[in-house]
Amino acid sequence: MTPLQASRAKRLRWLLGVALALCVGSGIYYIDLLKAAVSPNPIPSSPQSIDRARALWKLNCEACHGVEGRGD
């Protein structure tokens, strides 16, 4: 292996190491979000829970996300 090839290989290993560290770090940072994305909803669906969610949406979310949740 020539010195140029060795230098490129070293750079590639370093870049792959950084990319791996970023992926693992992101996974650790967002682990709660990832768990929530695949876990079932702990609140059973009922007219009361839907009304409560609607009220919370209007209070906390609608101002930024818009009436239909599309950011309008």
N, C-alpha and C. Protein backbone atom coordinates (compact mmCIF):
# COMPACT_ATOMS: atom_id res chain seq x y z
N MET A 1 0.85 -1.17 0.00
CA MET A 1 0.00 0.00 0.00
C MET A 1 0.90 1.24 0.00
N THR A 2 0.62 2.15 -0.89
CA THR A 2 1.42 3.38 -0.97
C THR A 2 1.05 4.31 0.18
N PRO A 3 1.91 5.27 0.48
CA PRO A 3 1.60 6.22 1.55
C PRO A 3 0.30 7.00 1.29
N LEU A 4 0.02 7.31 0.02
CA LEU A 4 -1.21 8.02 -0.31
C LEU A 4 -2.43 7.15 -0.01
N GLN A 5 -2.36 5.88 -0.38
CA GLN A 5 -3.46 4.97 -0.10
C GLN A 5 -3.65 4.78 1.40
N ALA A 6 -2.55 4.69 2.13
CA ALA A 6 -2.63 4.53 3.58
C ALA A 6 -3.28 5.75 4.22
N SER A 7 -2.94 6.93 3.71
CA SER A 7 -3.52 8.17 4.23
C SER A 7 -5.01 8.22 3.96
N ARG A 8 -5.42 7.83 2.76
CA ARG A 8 -6.84 7.81 2.42
C ARG A 8 -7.59 6.80 3.26
N ALA A 9 -7.00 5.63 3.47
CA ALA A 9 -7.64 4.59 4.28
C ALA A 9 -7.79 5.07 5.72
N LYS A 10 -6.77 5.76 6.24
CA LYS A 10 -6.84 6.28 7.60
C LYS A 10 -7.95 7.33 7.72
N ARG A 11 -8.05 8.21 6.73
CA ARG A 11 -9.11 9.22 6.71
C ARG A 11 -10.49 8.57 6.64
N LEU A 12 -10.62 7.55 5.82
CA LEU A 12 -11.90 6.85 5.68
C LEU A 12 -12.29 6.17 6.99
N ARG A 13 -11.33 5.51 7.65
CA ARG A 13 -11.63 4.88 8.94
C ARG A 13 -12.05 5.93 9.97
N TRP A 14 -11.38 7.07 9.98
CA TRP A 14 -11.72 8.14 10.90
C TRP A 14 -13.13 8.66 10.62
N LEU A 15 -13.45 8.87 9.35
CA LEU A 15 -14.77 9.36 8.96
C LEU A 15 -15.85 8.35 9.33
N LEU A 16 -15.61 7.08 9.09
CA LEU A 16 -16.58 6.05 9.46
C LEU A 16 -16.75 5.98 10.98
N GLY A 17 -15.67 6.17 11.72
CA GLY A 17 -15.75 6.18 13.18
C GLY A 17 -16.59 7.35 13.68
N VAL A 18 -16.41 8.51 13.08
CA VAL A 18 -17.20 9.68 13.46
C VAL A 18 -18.67 9.45 13.12
N ALA A 19 -18.95 8.92 11.95
CA ALA A 19 -20.33 8.65 11.54
C ALA A 19 -20.97 7.65 12.50
N LEU A 20 -20.25 6.61 12.87
CA LEU A 20 -20.77 5.61 13.81
C LEU A 20 -21.04 6.25 15.17
N ALA A 21 -20.12 7.09 15.64
CA ALA A 21 -20.31 7.76 16.93
C ALA A 21 -21.54 8.67 16.90
N LEU A 22 -21.75 9.36 15.80
CA LEU A 22 -22.92 10.22 15.67
C LEU A 22 -24.21 9.40 15.68
N CYS A 23 -24.22 8.29 14.99
CA CYS A 23 -25.41 7.43 14.96
C CYS A 23 -25.72 6.86 16.34
N VAL A 24 -24.70 6.36 17.01
CA VAL A 24 -24.90 5.80 18.35
C VAL A 24 -25.32 6.90 19.32
N GLY A 25 -24.66 8.05 19.24
CA GLY A 25 -25.01 9.17 20.11
C GLY A 25 -26.44 9.64 19.89
N SER A 26 -26.85 9.72 18.65
CA SER A 26 -28.23 10.12 18.35
C SER A 26 -29.22 9.10 18.89
N GLY A 27 -28.90 7.83 18.74
CA GLY A 27 -29.78 6.78 19.25
C GLY A 27 -29.92 6.86 20.76
N ILE A 28 -28.82 7.13 21.45
CA ILE A 28 -28.87 7.26 22.91
C ILE A 28 -29.66 8.50 23.30
N TYR A 29 -29.43 9.59 22.60
CA TYR A 29 -30.10 10.85 22.92
C TYR A 29 -31.61 10.74 22.71
N TYR A 30 -32.01 10.06 21.65
CA TYR A 30 -33.42 9.97 21.29
C TYR A 30 -34.07 8.65 21.69
N ILE A 31 -33.47 7.90 22.62
CA ILE A 31 -33.99 6.57 22.96
C ILE A 31 -35.43 6.64 23.48
N ASP A 32 -35.75 7.64 24.29
CA ASP A 32 -37.13 7.74 24.79
C ASP A 32 -38.12 8.00 23.66
N LEU A 33 -37.73 8.84 22.72
CA LEU A 33 -38.59 9.11 21.57
C LEU A 33 -38.75 7.86 20.72
N LEU A 34 -37.67 7.13 20.53
CA LEU A 34 -37.74 5.90 19.74
C LEU A 34 -38.63 4.86 20.43
N LYS A 35 -38.54 4.75 21.75
CA LYS A 35 -39.40 3.81 22.48
C LYS A 35 -40.86 4.22 22.35
N ALA A 36 -41.13 5.52 22.47
CA ALA A 36 -42.51 6.00 22.38
C ALA A 36 -43.10 5.76 20.99
N ALA A 37 -42.26 5.82 19.98
CA ALA A 37 -42.75 5.64 18.62
C ALA A 37 -43.25 4.23 18.35
N VAL A 38 -42.74 3.26 19.09
CA VAL A 38 -43.13 1.87 18.83
C VAL A 38 -43.99 1.27 19.95
N SER A 39 -44.24 2.03 21.01
CA SER A 39 -45.05 1.49 22.11
C SER A 39 -46.52 1.81 21.89
N PRO A 40 -47.40 0.97 22.39
CA PRO A 40 -48.84 1.24 22.24
C PRO A 40 -49.27 2.41 23.13
N ASN A 41 -50.34 3.06 22.74
CA ASN A 41 -50.87 4.18 23.50
C ASN A 41 -51.40 3.66 24.84
N PRO A 42 -50.94 4.21 25.96
CA PRO A 42 -51.39 3.71 27.25
C PRO A 42 -52.79 4.18 27.63
N ILE A 43 -53.33 5.15 26.91
CA ILE A 43 -54.66 5.67 27.21
C ILE A 43 -55.65 5.06 26.22
N PRO A 44 -56.63 4.31 26.73
CA PRO A 44 -57.60 3.71 25.82
C PRO A 44 -58.43 4.77 25.09
N SER A 45 -58.75 4.50 23.87
CA SER A 45 -59.54 5.43 23.08
C SER A 45 -60.99 5.42 23.56
N SER A 46 -61.47 6.60 23.88
CA SER A 46 -62.86 6.75 24.31
C SER A 46 -63.29 8.17 23.95
N PRO A 47 -64.56 8.45 23.91
CA PRO A 47 -64.99 9.82 23.61
C PRO A 47 -64.40 10.84 24.59
N GLN A 48 -64.25 10.45 25.85
CA GLN A 48 -63.69 11.36 26.85
C GLN A 48 -62.21 11.63 26.59
N SER A 49 -61.45 10.60 26.26
CA SER A 49 -60.02 10.81 26.01
C SER A 49 -59.80 11.62 24.74
N ILE A 50 -60.65 11.43 23.74
CA ILE A 50 -60.54 12.20 22.50
C ILE A 50 -60.88 13.66 22.76
N ASP A 51 -61.92 13.92 23.55
CA ASP A 51 -62.25 15.31 23.90
C ASP A 51 -61.12 15.97 24.68
N ARG A 52 -60.52 15.24 25.60
CA ARG A 52 -59.40 15.78 26.39
C ARG A 52 -58.21 16.08 25.48
N ALA A 53 -57.91 15.18 24.56
CA ALA A 53 -56.81 15.40 23.62
C ALA A 53 -57.08 16.60 22.73
N ARG A 54 -58.31 16.75 22.30
CA ARG A 54 -58.68 17.90 21.47
C ARG A 54 -58.47 19.21 22.25
N ALA A 55 -58.86 19.23 23.51
CA ALA A 55 -58.68 20.43 24.34
C ALA A 55 -57.19 20.73 24.54
N LEU A 56 -56.39 19.69 24.78
CA LEU A 56 -54.95 19.90 24.94
C LEU A 56 -54.32 20.39 23.64
N TRP A 57 -54.77 19.86 22.50
CA TRP A 57 -54.27 20.31 21.20
C TRP A 57 -54.55 21.80 21.02
N LYS A 58 -55.78 22.21 21.28
CA LYS A 58 -56.14 23.61 21.11
C LYS A 58 -55.31 24.51 22.02
N LEU A 59 -55.06 24.05 23.22
CA LEU A 59 -54.33 24.84 24.20
C LEU A 59 -52.84 24.92 23.90
N ASN A 60 -52.22 23.81 23.52
CA ASN A 60 -50.77 23.73 23.44
C ASN A 60 -50.18 23.65 22.03
N CYS A 61 -50.95 23.23 21.04
CA CYS A 61 -50.36 22.89 19.74
C CYS A 61 -50.89 23.72 18.57
N GLU A 62 -52.17 24.05 18.62
CA GLU A 62 -52.84 24.66 17.47
C GLU A 62 -52.20 25.97 17.03
N ALA A 63 -51.70 26.76 17.96
CA ALA A 63 -51.13 28.06 17.61
C ALA A 63 -49.99 27.93 16.61
N CYS A 64 -49.17 26.92 16.74
CA CYS A 64 -48.03 26.73 15.83
C CYS A 64 -48.36 25.80 14.66
N HIS A 65 -49.09 24.75 14.93
CA HIS A 65 -49.32 23.72 13.92
C HIS A 65 -50.55 23.98 13.06
N GLY A 66 -51.40 24.91 13.47
CA GLY A 66 -52.60 25.21 12.70
C GLY A 66 -53.76 24.29 13.07
N VAL A 67 -54.93 24.66 12.61
CA VAL A 67 -56.15 23.93 12.95
C VAL A 67 -56.08 22.48 12.50
N GLU A 68 -55.53 22.24 11.32
CA GLU A 68 -55.46 20.88 10.78
C GLU A 68 -54.13 20.19 11.04
N GLY A 69 -53.25 20.85 11.77
CA GLY A 69 -51.95 20.23 12.09
C GLY A 69 -50.96 20.25 10.96
N ARG A 70 -51.12 21.13 10.01
CA ARG A 70 -50.23 21.17 8.84
C ARG A 70 -49.28 22.37 8.85
N GLY A 71 -49.21 23.06 9.97
CA GLY A 71 -48.31 24.21 10.06
C GLY A 71 -48.84 25.44 9.39
N ASP A 72 -50.12 25.45 9.07
CA ASP A 72 -50.70 26.60 8.39
C ASP A 72 -51.31 27.53 9.42
